[in-house]
PDB file of N, CA and C in Angstrom:
ATOM      1  N   MET A   1       5.144  10.512 -12.807  1.00  0.00           N
ATOM      2  CA  MET A   1       4.522  11.315 -10.968  1.00  0.00           C
ATOM      3  C   MET A   1       3.601   9.639 -10.061  1.00  0.00           C
ATOM      4  N   ILE A   2       3.754   8.973  -9.269  1.00  0.00           N
ATOM      5  CA  ILE A   2       2.974   8.280  -8.547  1.00  0.00           C
ATOM      6  C   ILE A   2       3.031   8.512  -6.981  1.00  0.00           C
ATOM      7  N   ASP A   3       1.545   8.181  -6.866  1.00  0.00           N
ATOM      8  CA  ASP A   3       0.794   7.968  -5.373  1.00  0.00           C
ATOM      9  C   ASP A   3       0.808   6.325  -4.943  1.00  0.00           C
ATOM     10  N   THR A   4       1.649   6.344  -4.290  1.00  0.00           N
ATOM     11  CA  THR A   4       0.962   4.403  -4.279  1.00  0.00           C
ATOM     12  C   THR A   4       1.906   5.089  -2.607  1.00  0.00           C
ATOM     13  N   PRO A   5       0.865   3.648  -1.585  1.00  0.00           N
ATOM     14  CA  PRO A   5       1.230   3.223  -0.130  1.00  0.00           C
ATOM     15  C   PRO A   5       2.891   2.684  -0.472  1.00  0.00           C
ATOM     16  N   VAL A   6       3.628   2.257   0.601  1.00  0.00           N
ATOM     17  CA  VAL A   6       4.423   1.231   0.275  1.00  0.00           C
ATOM     18  C   VAL A   6       5.427   0.840   1.622  1.00  0.00           C
ATOM     19  N   ALA A   7       5.789   0.190   1.869  1.00  0.00           N
ATOM     20  CA  ALA A   7       6.309  -0.799   3.168  1.00  0.00           C
ATOM     21  C   ALA A   7       6.564   0.673   4.653  1.00  0.00           C
ATOM     22  N   GLU A   8       7.452   1.181   3.507  1.00  0.00           N
ATOM     23  CA  GLU A   8       7.526   2.793   4.865  1.00  0.00           C
ATOM     24  C   GLU A   8       6.528   3.675   5.343  1.00  0.00           C
ATOM     25  N   THR A   9       5.051   2.898   4.389  1.00  0.00           N
ATOM     26  CA  THR A   9       3.585   3.922   4.980  1.00  0.00           C
ATOM     27  C   THR A   9       2.799   2.632   5.549  1.00  0.00           C
ATOM     28  N   ARG A  10       3.245   1.586   5.125  1.00  0.00           N
ATOM     29  CA  ARG A  10       2.113   0.279   6.347  1.00  0.00           C
ATOM     30  C   ARG A  10       2.308  -0.135   6.886  1.00  0.00           C
ATOM     31  N   LEU A  11       3.878  -0.677   7.066  1.00  0.00           N
ATOM     32  CA  LEU A  11       4.333  -1.000   8.839  1.00  0.00           C
ATOM     33  C   LEU A  11       3.892  -0.235   9.378  1.00  0.00           C
ATOM     34  N   PRO A  12       4.776   0.699   9.861  1.00  0.00           N
ATOM     35  CA  PRO A  12       4.233   1.476  11.240  1.00  0.00           C
ATOM     36  C   PRO A  12       3.072   1.199  11.188  1.00  0.00           C
ATOM     37  N   ARG A  13       1.467   1.284  10.587  1.00  0.00           N
ATOM     38  CA  ARG A  13       0.463   1.122  11.402  1.00  0.00           C
ATOM     39  C   ARG A  13       0.344  -0.510  11.274  1.00  0.00           C
ATOM     40  N   LEU A  14       0.870  -1.469  10.977  1.00  0.00           N
ATOM     41  CA  LEU A  14       0.634  -2.621  11.317  1.00  0.00           C
ATOM     42  C   LEU A  14       0.114  -3.494  12.178  1.00  0.00           C
ATOM     43  N   GLU A  15       0.456  -2.679  13.714  1.00  0.00           N
ATOM     44  CA  GLU A  15      -0.437  -2.771  15.325  1.00  0.00           C
ATOM     45  C   GLU A  15      -2.152  -2.297  14.904  1.00  0.00           C
ATOM     46  N   THR A  16      -2.794  -1.218  13.888  1.00  0.00           N
ATOM     47  CA  THR A  16      -3.747  -1.933  13.614  1.00  0.00           C
ATOM     48  C   THR A  16      -4.455  -2.994  12.459  1.00  0.00           C
ATOM     49  N   TYR A  17      -3.845  -3.287  12.541  1.00  0.00           N
ATOM     50  CA  TYR A  17      -4.053  -4.875  11.137  1.00  0.00           C
ATOM     51  C   TYR A  17      -4.959  -6.562  12.042  1.00  0.00           C
ATOM     52  N   GLY A  18      -5.057  -6.983  11.790  1.00  0.00           N
ATOM     53  CA  GLY A  18      -6.000  -8.054  13.054  1.00  0.00           C
ATOM     54  C   GLY A  18      -7.633  -8.335  12.272  1.00  0.00           C
ATOM     55  N   ARG A  19      -8.071  -8.599  12.615  1.00  0.00           N
ATOM     56  CA  ARG A  19      -9.563  -8.891  12.335  1.00  0.00           C
ATOM     57  C   ARG A  19     -10.058  -7.678  13.179  1.00  0.00           C
ATOM     58  N   PHE A  20     -11.752  -7.168  11.916  1.00  0.00           N
ATOM     59  CA  PHE A  20     -12.025  -6.454  12.202  1.00  0.00           C
ATOM     60  C   PHE A  20     -13.569  -6.597  12.039  1.00  0.00           C
ATOM     61  N   TRP A  21     -14.672  -6.324  12.036  1.00  0.00           N
ATOM     62  CA  TRP A  21     -15.717  -6.125  11.511  1.00  0.00           C
ATOM     63  C   TRP A  21     -16.219  -5.241  11.668  1.00  0.00           C
ATOM     64  N   SER A  22     -17.208  -4.528  10.557  1.00  0.00           N
ATOM     65  CA  SER A  22     -18.114  -3.854  10.294  1.00  0.00           C
ATOM     66  C   SER A  22     -18.860  -4.519   9.983  1.00  0.00           C
ATOM     67  N   LYS A  23     -20.108  -3.534   9.593  1.00  0.00           N
ATOM     68  CA  LYS A  23     -21.244  -3.224   9.359  1.00  0.00           C
ATOM     69  C   LYS A  23     -21.687  -2.325   7.749  1.00  0.00           C
ATOM     70  N   LEU A  24     -21.921  -2.638   6.472  1.00  0.00           N
ATOM     71  CA  LEU A  24     -22.417  -1.849   5.593  1.00  0.00           C
ATOM     72  C   LEU A  24     -24.034  -2.187   4.601  1.00  0.00           C
ATOM     73  N   GLY A  25     -25.203  -1.363   5.329  1.00  0.00           N
ATOM     74  CA  GLY A  25     -26.005  -1.745   5.600  1.00  0.00           C
ATOM     75  C   GLY A  25     -26.482  -3.091   6.249  1.00  0.00           C
ATOM     76  N   ASP A  26     -26.839  -4.117   5.434  1.00  0.00           N
ATOM     77  CA  ASP A  26     -27.702  -5.508   5.880  1.00  0.00           C
ATOM     78  C   ASP A  26     -26.916  -6.446   5.754  1.00  0.00           C
ATOM     79  N   VAL A  27     -25.232  -6.159   5.191  1.00  0.00           N
ATOM     80  CA  VAL A  27     -24.578  -6.334   4.898  1.00  0.00           C
ATOM     81  C   VAL A  27     -23.204  -6.931   6.758  1.00  0.00           C
ATOM     82  N   LEU A  28     -22.654  -7.912   7.275  1.00  0.00           N
ATOM     83  CA  LEU A  28     -22.017  -8.204   7.966  1.00  0.00           C
ATOM     84  C   LEU A  28     -20.294  -8.274   7.433  1.00  0.00           C
ATOM     85  N   VAL A  29     -19.646  -7.945   7.562  1.00  0.00           N
ATOM     86  CA  VAL A  29     -18.568  -8.455   7.264  1.00  0.00           C
ATOM     87  C   VAL A  29     -17.254  -8.391   8.062  1.00  0.00           C
ATOM     88  N   LEU A  30     -16.503  -9.068   7.430  1.00  0.00           N
ATOM     89  CA  LEU A  30     -15.709  -9.107   9.102  1.00  0.00           C
ATOM     90  C   LEU A  30     -13.923  -9.285   7.745  1.00  0.00           C
ATOM     91  N   GLU A  31     -12.677  -8.411   7.804  1.00  0.00           N
ATOM     92  CA  GLU A  31     -11.656  -8.288   7.524  1.00  0.00           C
ATOM     93  C   GLU A  31     -10.223  -9.178   8.398  1.00  0.00           C
ATOM     94  N   GLU A  32     -10.058  -9.682   7.634  1.00  0.00           N
ATOM     95  CA  GLU A  32      -8.887 -10.222   8.688  1.00  0.00           C
ATOM     96  C   GLU A  32      -7.273 -10.190   7.649  1.00  0.00           C
ATOM     97  N   ARG A  33      -6.533  -9.383   8.031  1.00  0.00           N
ATOM     98  CA  ARG A  33      -5.254  -8.118   7.637  1.00  0.00           C
ATOM     99  C   ARG A  33      -3.677  -9.051   8.056  1.00  0.00           C
ATOM    100  N   HIS A  34      -2.862  -9.213   7.731  1.00  0.00           N
ATOM    101  CA  HIS A  34      -1.765  -9.411   8.176  1.00  0.00           C
ATOM    102  C   HIS A  34      -0.541  -9.410   6.656  1.00  0.00           C
ATOM    103  N   TYR A  35       0.539  -8.959   7.728  1.00  0.00           N
ATOM    104  CA  TYR A  35       1.844  -8.177   6.399  1.00  0.00           C
ATOM    105  C   TYR A  35       2.662 -10.491   6.634  1.00  0.00           C
ATOM    106  N   ASP A  36       2.310 -10.424   5.185  1.00  0.00           N
ATOM    107  CA  ASP A  36       3.748 -11.460   5.148  1.00  0.00           C
ATOM    108  C   ASP A  36       5.087 -11.342   4.690  1.00  0.00           C
ATOM    109  N   GLN A  37       6.409 -11.079   5.901  1.00  0.00           N
ATOM    110  CA  GLN A  37       7.601 -10.950   5.667  1.00  0.00           C
ATOM    111  C   GLN A  37       7.781 -10.952   4.433  1.00  0.00           C
ATOM    112  N   LEU A  38       7.739 -12.923   4.340  1.00  0.00           N
ATOM    113  CA  LEU A  38       8.661 -13.297   3.099  1.00  0.00           C
ATOM    114  C   LEU A  38       8.166 -13.310   1.616  1.00  0.00           C
ATOM    115  N   GLU A  39       7.133 -12.856   1.459  1.00  0.00           N
ATOM    116  CA  GLU A  39       6.741 -12.678   0.329  1.00  0.00           C
ATOM    117  C   GLU A  39       6.148 -10.991  -0.028  1.00  0.00           C
ATOM    118  N   ARG A  40       6.505 -10.284   1.346  1.00  0.00           N
ATOM    119  CA  ARG A  40       6.598  -8.652   1.566  1.00  0.00           C
ATOM    120  C   ARG A  40       5.130  -8.376   0.726  1.00  0.00           C
ATOM    121  N   ARG A  41       4.262  -8.767   1.248  1.00  0.00           N
ATOM    122  CA  ARG A  41       2.600  -8.682   0.462  1.00  0.00           C
ATOM    123  C   ARG A  41       1.576  -8.675   2.091  1.00  0.00           C
ATOM    124  N   LEU A  42       1.119  -7.608   2.102  1.00  0.00           N
ATOM    125  CA  LEU A  42      -0.176  -7.372   2.902  1.00  0.00           C
ATOM    126  C   LEU A  42      -1.163  -8.107   2.144  1.00  0.00           C
ATOM    127  N   LYS A  43      -1.898  -9.124   2.372  1.00  0.00           N
ATOM    128  CA  LYS A  43      -2.173  -9.524   2.904  1.00  0.00           C
ATOM    129  C   LYS A  43      -3.922  -9.810   3.355  1.00  0.00           C
ATOM    130  N   SER A  44      -5.149  -9.320   2.822  1.00  0.00           N
ATOM    131  CA  SER A  44      -6.423  -9.435   3.305  1.00  0.00           C
ATOM    132  C   SER A  44      -7.079 -10.654   2.667  1.00  0.00           C
ATOM    133  N   GLU A  45      -8.528 -11.087   3.334  1.00  0.00           N
ATOM    134  CA  GLU A  45      -9.215 -12.227   3.710  1.00  0.00           C
ATOM    135  C   GLU A  45     -10.461 -11.595   4.196  1.00  0.00           C
ATOM    136  N   TRP A  46     -11.369 -11.269   3.111  1.00  0.00           N
ATOM    137  CA  TRP A  46     -13.301 -10.613   3.747  1.00  0.00           C
ATOM    138  C   TRP A  46     -14.028 -11.467   3.782  1.00  0.00           C
ATOM    139  N   THR A  47     -14.761 -11.311   4.755  1.00  0.00           N
ATOM    140  CA  THR A  47     -16.059 -12.712   4.607  1.00  0.00           C
ATOM    141  C   THR A  47     -17.648 -11.912   4.713  1.00  0.00           C
ATOM    142  N   PHE A  48     -18.287 -11.942   3.840  1.00  0.00           N
ATOM    143  CA  PHE A  48     -19.519 -11.354   3.681  1.00  0.00           C
ATOM    144  C   PHE A  48     -20.961 -12.334   3.946  1.00  0.00           C
ATOM    145  N   ALA A  49     -21.316 -11.240   5.196  1.00  0.00           N
ATOM    146  CA  ALA A  49     -22.415 -12.581   5.543  1.00  0.00           C
ATOM    147  C   ALA A  49     -24.012 -11.852   5.584  1.00  0.00           C
ATOM    148  N   ARG A  50     -25.198 -11.760   4.473  1.00  0.00           N
ATOM    149  CA  ARG A  50     -25.974 -11.738   4.309  1.00  0.00           C
ATOM    150  C   ARG A  50     -27.357 -12.503   4.704  1.00  0.00           C
ATOM    151  N   ARG A  51     -27.963 -12.091   5.090  1.00  0.00           N
ATOM    152  CA  ARG A  51     -29.364 -13.309   5.013  1.00  0.00           C
ATOM    153  C   ARG A  51     -29.208 -14.446   5.174  1.00  0.00           C
ATOM    154  N   GLY A  52     -28.068 -15.030   6.150  1.00  0.00           N
ATOM    155  CA  GLY A  52     -27.810 -16.188   5.505  1.00  0.00           C
ATOM    156  C   GLY A  52     -26.930 -16.660   4.409  1.00  0.00           C
ATOM    157  N   LYS A  53     -26.267 -15.742   3.776  1.00  0.00           N
ATOM    158  CA  LYS A  53     -25.807 -15.937   2.720  1.00  0.00           C
ATOM    159  C   LYS A  53     -23.934 -15.969   3.208  1.00  0.00           C
ATOM    160  N   VAL A  54     -23.562 -16.668   2.721  1.00  0.00           N
ATOM    161  CA  VAL A  54     -21.710 -16.538   3.446  1.00  0.00           C
ATOM    162  C   VAL A  54     -20.986 -16.280   1.628  1.00  0.00           C
ATOM    163  N   GLU A  55     -20.185 -15.305   1.422  1.00  0.00           N
ATOM    164  CA  GLU A  55     -19.183 -15.277   0.605  1.00  0.00           C
ATOM    165  C   GLU A  55     -18.239 -14.737   0.856  1.00  0.00           C
ATOM    166  N   LYS A  56     -16.766 -15.314   0.601  1.00  0.00           N
ATOM    167  CA  LYS A  56     -15.113 -14.995   1.354  1.00  0.00           C
ATOM    168  C   LYS A  56     -14.497 -14.163  -0.600  1.00  0.00           C
ATOM    169  N   ARG A  57     -13.567 -13.525   0.375  1.00  0.00           N
ATOM    170  CA  ARG A  57     -13.355 -12.382  -0.984  1.00  0.00           C
ATOM    171  C   ARG A  57     -11.607 -11.926  -0.332  1.00  0.00           C
ATOM    172  N   SER A  58     -10.098 -12.410  -0.900  1.00  0.00           N
ATOM    173  CA  SER A  58      -9.503 -12.222  -0.306  1.00  0.00           C
ATOM    174  C   SER A  58      -7.893 -11.504  -1.812  1.00  0.00           C
ATOM    175  N   LEU A  59      -7.398 -10.182  -1.017  1.00  0.00           N
ATOM    176  CA  LEU A  59      -6.536  -9.487  -1.646  1.00  0.00           C
ATOM    177  C   LEU A  59      -5.242  -9.876  -1.346  1.00  0.00           C
ATOM    178  N   SER A  60      -3.849  -9.542  -2.109  1.00  0.00           N
ATOM    179  CA  SER A  60      -2.607  -9.471  -1.886  1.00  0.00           C
ATOM    180  C   SER A  60      -1.809  -8.647  -2.673  1.00  0.00           C
ATOM    181  N   ILE A  61      -1.192  -7.112  -1.913  1.00  0.00           N
ATOM    182  CA  ILE A  61      -0.887  -6.543  -2.237  1.00  0.00           C
ATOM    183  C   ILE A  61       0.850  -6.296  -1.973  1.00  0.00           C
ATOM    184  N   ARG A  62       1.328  -6.248  -2.682  1.00  0.00           N
ATOM    185  CA  ARG A  62       2.806  -5.674  -2.807  1.00  0.00           C
ATOM    186  C   ARG A  62       3.668  -5.181  -2.159  1.00  0.00           C
ATOM    187  N   LEU A  63       4.162  -4.960  -1.166  1.00  0.00           N
ATOM    188  CA  LEU A  63       4.996  -3.806  -0.885  1.00  0.00           C
ATOM    189  C   LEU A  63       6.174  -3.226  -0.856  1.00  0.00           C
ATOM    190  N   TYR A  64       6.474  -2.527  -2.081  1.00  0.00           N
ATOM    191  CA  TYR A  64       7.446  -2.531  -2.268  1.00  0.00           C
ATOM    192  C   TYR A  64       8.253  -1.272  -1.551  1.00  0.00           C
ATOM    193  N   THR A  65       9.622  -1.155  -1.189  1.00  0.00           N
ATOM    194  CA  THR A  65       9.985   0.156  -0.391  1.00  0.00           C
ATOM    195  C   THR A  65       9.947   1.082  -1.273  1.00  0.00           C
ATOM    196  N   TYR A  66      10.558   2.447  -0.393  1.00  0.00           N
ATOM    197  CA  TYR A  66      10.702   3.757  -1.094  1.00  0.00           C
ATOM    198  C   TYR A  66      12.301   3.272  -2.174  1.00  0.00           C
ATOM    199  N   ARG A  67      13.059   2.363  -2.037  1.00  0.00           N
ATOM    200  CA  ARG A  67      14.119   2.006  -2.313  1.00  0.00           C
ATOM    201  C   ARG A  67      14.041   1.621  -3.782  1.00  0.00           C
ATOM    202  N   GLU A  68      13.650   0.604  -3.963  1.00  0.00           N
ATOM    203  CA  GLU A  68      12.968  -0.760  -4.858  1.00  0.00           C
ATOM    204  C   GLU A  68      12.671   0.483  -5.571  1.00  0.00           C
ATOM    205  N   LEU A  69      11.101   1.301  -5.569  1.00  0.00           N
ATOM    206  CA  LEU A  69      10.998   1.870  -6.533  1.00  0.00           C
ATOM    207  C   LEU A  69      11.486   2.908  -7.078  1.00  0.00           C
ATOM    208  N   CYS A  70      12.383   3.034  -6.739  1.00  0.00           N
ATOM    209  CA  CYS A  70      13.579   4.622  -6.550  1.00  0.00           C
ATOM    210  C   CYS A  70      14.519   3.566  -8.015  1.00  0.00           C
ATOM    211  N   THR A  71      15.271   2.499  -7.716  1.00  0.00           N
ATOM    212  CA  THR A  71      16.028   1.578  -8.516  1.00  0.00           C
ATOM    213  C   THR A  71      15.139   1.267  -9.584  1.00  0.00           C
ATOM    214  N   LEU A  72      14.454   0.462  -8.964  1.00  0.00           N
ATOM    215  CA  LEU A  72      13.174   0.246 -10.398  1.00  0.00           C
ATOM    216  C   LEU A  72      13.009   1.728 -11.775  1.00  0.00           C
ATOM    217  N   PHE A  73      12.962   3.089 -11.237  1.00  0.00           N
ATOM    218  CA  PHE A  73      12.541   4.358 -11.912  1.00  0.00           C
ATOM    219  C   PHE A  73      14.045   4.258 -12.654  1.00  0.00           C
ATOM    220  N   GLU A  74      15.101   4.447 -11.850  1.00  0.00           N
ATOM    221  CA  GLU A  74      16.152   4.058 -12.403  1.00  0.00           C
ATOM    222  C   GLU A  74      16.585   3.454 -13.466  1.00  0.00           C
ATOM    223  N   GLN A  75      16.619   2.016 -13.284  1.00  0.00           N
ATOM    224  CA  GLN A  75      17.004   0.655 -14.380  1.00  0.00           C
ATOM    225  C   GLN A  75      15.788   1.363 -15.657  1.00  0.00           C
ATOM    226  N   GLU A  76      14.873   1.416 -15.605  1.00  0.00           N
ATOM    227  CA  GLU A  76      13.709   2.027 -16.425  1.00  0.00           C
ATOM    228  C   GLU A  76      14.169   3.609 -17.561  1.00  0.00           C
ATOM    229  N   GLY A  77      14.834   4.235 -17.182  1.00  0.00           N
ATOM    230  CA  GLY A  77      15.797   5.448 -17.518  1.00  0.00           C
ATOM    231  C   GLY A  77      14.871   6.229 -16.907  1.00  0.00           C
ATOM    232  N   PHE A  78      14.336   6.749 -16.414  1.00  0.00           N
ATOM    233  CA  PHE A  78      13.892   7.834 -15.416  1.00  0.00           C
ATOM    234  C   PHE A  78      15.197   8.658 -14.355  1.00  0.00           C
ATOM    235  N   GLY A  79      14.671   9.257 -14.254  1.00  0.00           N
ATOM    236  CA  GLY A  79      15.785  10.387 -13.560  1.00  0.00           C
ATOM    237  C   GLY A  79      15.637   9.868 -12.185  1.00  0.00           C
ATOM    238  N   ARG A  80      16.336  10.297 -11.117  1.00  0.00           N
ATOM    239  CA  ARG A  80      16.456  10.368  -9.675  1.00  0.00           C
ATOM    240  C   ARG A  80      15.137  10.751  -9.089  1.00  0.00           C
ATOM    241  N   PRO A  81      14.025   9.940  -8.750  1.00  0.00           N
ATOM    242  CA  PRO A  81      12.388  10.522  -8.464  1.00  0.00           C
ATOM    243  C   PRO A  81      12.759  11.439  -6.762  1.00  0.00           C
ATOM    244  N   LYS A  82      12.109  12.806  -7.169  1.00  0.00           N
ATOM    245  CA  LYS A  82      11.995  13.706  -5.493  1.00  0.00           C
ATOM    246  C   LYS A  82      10.905  13.085  -4.980  1.00  0.00           C
ATOM    247  N   ALA A  83      10.902  12.408  -3.605  1.00  0.00           N
ATOM    248  CA  ALA A  83       9.615  12.053  -3.173  1.00  0.00           C
ATOM    249  C   ALA A  83       9.274  13.026  -1.834  1.00  0.00           C
ATOM    250  N   PHE A  84       7.371  12.900  -1.767  1.00  0.00           N
ATOM    251  CA  PHE A  84       7.174  13.799  -0.904  1.00  0.00           C
ATOM    252  C   PHE A  84       6.142  12.783   0.092  1.00  0.00           C
ATOM    253  N   GLY A  85       5.895  13.344   0.961  1.00  0.00           N
ATOM    254  CA  GLY A  85       4.623  12.838   2.202  1.00  0.00           C
ATOM    255  C   GLY A  85       3.162  13.153   2.068  1.00  0.00           C
ATOM    256  N   SER A  86       3.238  14.160   0.473  1.00  0.00           N
ATOM    257  CA  SER A  86       1.737  15.016   1.172  1.00  0.00           C
ATOM    258  C   SER A  86       1.638  15.590  -0.498  1.00  0.00           C
ATOM    259  N   LEU A  87       0.005  15.586  -1.009  1.00  0.00           N
ATOM    260  CA  LEU A  87       0.683  16.555  -2.250  1.00  0.00           C
ATOM    261  C   LEU A  87       0.703  17.793  -1.926  1.00  0.00           C
ATOM    262  N   THR A  88       0.652  18.707  -0.609  1.00  0.00           N
ATOM    263  CA  THR A  88       1.611  19.471   0.067  1.00  0.00           C
ATOM    264  C   THR A  88       3.106  20.149  -0.364  1.00  0.00           C
ATOM    265  N   ARG A  89       3.789  18.867  -0.201  1.00  0.00           N
ATOM    266  CA  ARG A  89       4.580  18.462  -0.862  1.00  0.00           C
ATOM    267  C   ARG A  89       5.808  18.588   0.447  1.00  0.00           C
ATOM    268  N   GLU A  90       4.871  17.510   1.368  1.00  0.00           N
ATOM    269  CA  GLU A  90       5.983  18.052   2.810  1.00  0.00           C
ATOM    270  C   GLU A  90       7.083  16.573   2.470  1.00  0.00           C
ATOM    271  N   PRO A  91       7.813  16.858   3.590  1.00  0.00           N
ATOM    272  CA  PRO A  91       8.770  15.499   3.278  1.00  0.00           C
ATOM    273  C   PRO A  91       8.394  14.128   3.428  1.00  0.00           C
ATOM    274  N   PHE A  92       8.773  12.909   2.770  1.00  0.00           N
ATOM    275  CA  PHE A  92       8.794  11.996   2.908  1.00  0.00           C
ATOM    276  C   PHE A  92       9.218  10.756   3.571  1.00  0.00           C
ATOM    277  N   GLU A  93       8.526  10.488   4.382  1.00  0.00           N
ATOM    278  CA  GLU A  93       9.515  10.035   5.874  1.00  0.00           C
ATOM    279  C   GLU A  93       8.709   8.955   5.884  1.00  0.00           C
ATOM    280  N   ILE A  94       9.504   7.599   7.010  1.00  0.00           N
ATOM    281  CA  ILE A  94       8.605   6.670   7.469  1.00  0.00           C
ATOM    282  C   ILE A  94       7.400   7.040   8.412  1.00  0.00           C
ATOM    283  N   GLY A  95       5.934   6.695   8.135  1.00  0.00           N
ATOM    284  CA  GLY A  95       4.829   6.732   8.331  1.00  0.00           C
ATOM    285  C   GLY A  95       4.065   8.243   7.414  1.00  0.00           C
ATOM    286  N   SER A  96       4.770   8.191   6.505  1.00  0.00           N
ATOM    287  CA  SER A  96       4.078   9.272   6.452  1.00  0.00           C
ATOM    288  C   SER A  96       2.686   8.316   5.051  1.00  0.00           C
ATOM    289  N   PRO A  97       1.221   9.449   5.332  1.00  0.00           N
ATOM    290  CA  PRO A  97       0.487   8.592   4.631  1.00  0.00           C
ATOM    291  C   PRO A  97       0.095   8.005   3.260  1.00  0.00           C
ATOM    292  N   ARG A  98       1.082   8.230   2.599  1.00  0.00           N
ATOM    293  CA  ARG A  98       0.962   8.006   1.041  1.00  0.00           C
ATOM    294  C   ARG A  98       2.924   8.293   0.963  1.00  0.00           C
ATOM    295  N   LEU A  99       3.005   7.480  -0.031  1.00  0.00           N
ATOM    296  CA  LEU A  99       4.285   7.724  -1.377  1.00  0.00           C
ATOM    297  C   LEU A  99       4.290   8.986  -2.737  1.00  0.00           C
ATOM    298  N   TYR A 100       4.823  10.050  -2.578  1.00  0.00           N
ATOM    299  CA  TYR A 100       4.412  10.696  -4.071  1.00  0.00           C
ATOM    300  C   TYR A 100       5.848  10.756  -4.331  1.00  0.00           C
ATOM    301  N   LEU A 101       6.337  10.298  -5.948  1.00  0.00           N
ATOM    302  CA  LEU A 101       7.253  10.315  -6.267  1.00  0.00           C
ATOM    303  C   LEU A 101       7.480  10.988  -7.496  1.00  0.00           C
ATOM    304  N   SER A 102       8.209  11.818  -7.772  1.00  0.00           N
ATOM    305  CA  SER A 102       7.950  12.568  -9.381  1.00  0.00           C
ATOM    306  C   SER A 102       9.500  12.763  -9.548  1.00  0.00           C
ATOM    307  N   THR A 103       9.402  11.695 -10.885  1.00  0.00           N
ATOM    308  CA  THR A 103      10.709  11.895 -11.609  1.00  0.00           C
ATOM    309  C   THR A 103      10.815  12.436 -13.391  1.00  0.00           C
ATOM    310  N   THR A 104      11.314  12.615 -13.862  1.00  0.00           N
ATOM    311  CA  THR A 104      11.454  13.173 -15.708  1.00  0.00           C
ATOM    312  C   THR A 104      12.269  11.707 -16.169  1.00  0.00           C
ATOM    313  N   ILE A 105      11.774  11.994 -17.665  1.00  0.00           N
ATOM    314  CA  ILE A 105      12.363  10.767 -18.217  1.00  0.00           C
ATOM    315  C   ILE A 105      14.125  11.276 -18.649  1.00  0.00           C
ATOM    316  N   VAL A 106      14.799  10.447 -18.766  1.00  0.00           N
ATOM    317  CA  VAL A 106      16.448  10.675 -18.915  1.00  0.00           C
ATOM    318  C   VAL A 106      17.303  10.466 -19.968  1.00  0.00           C
ATOM    319  N   GLU A 107      17.404  11.274 -21.147  1.00  0.00           N
ATOM    320  CA  GLU A 107      17.608  11.512 -22.432  1.00  0.00           C
ATOM    321  C   GLU A 107      19.054  11.186 -22.735  1.00  0.00           C
ATOM    322  N   ASP A 108      19.084  10.439 -23.313  1.00  0.00           N
ATOM    323  CA  ASP A 108      20.364  10.329 -23.984  1.00  0.00           C
ATOM    324  C   ASP A 108      21.215  10.781 -24.805  1.00  0.00           C
ATOM    325  N   MET A 109      22.286  10.877 -24.297  1.00  0.00           N
ATOM    326  CA  MET A 109      23.281  12.101 -24.481  1.00  0.00           C
ATOM    327  C   MET A 109      23.845  12.100 -26.122  1.00  0.00           C
TER     328      MET A 109
END
């Protein structure tokens, strides 16, 4: 079983990406995020400001598609995965919050 975000779960929400300010205790946080189509990566840059001190951090997440993950599983000897959009086994579809893939190992006969 694998539980992961994929392109089909994140890209429909892309309009919510951009610049966001928030405050965590006495830390002011700026998050800037975007999707790099060429690299197929969701990239985030964070700036943390506290008492005049500024720190920056970044994150880059490769977003696979549902089909890419199925192909990877099959190439590594797993059976055809079953996809769900929730832990209650709702069908997986574009816009589902997560992808839950379930599969088994295929043994050679």
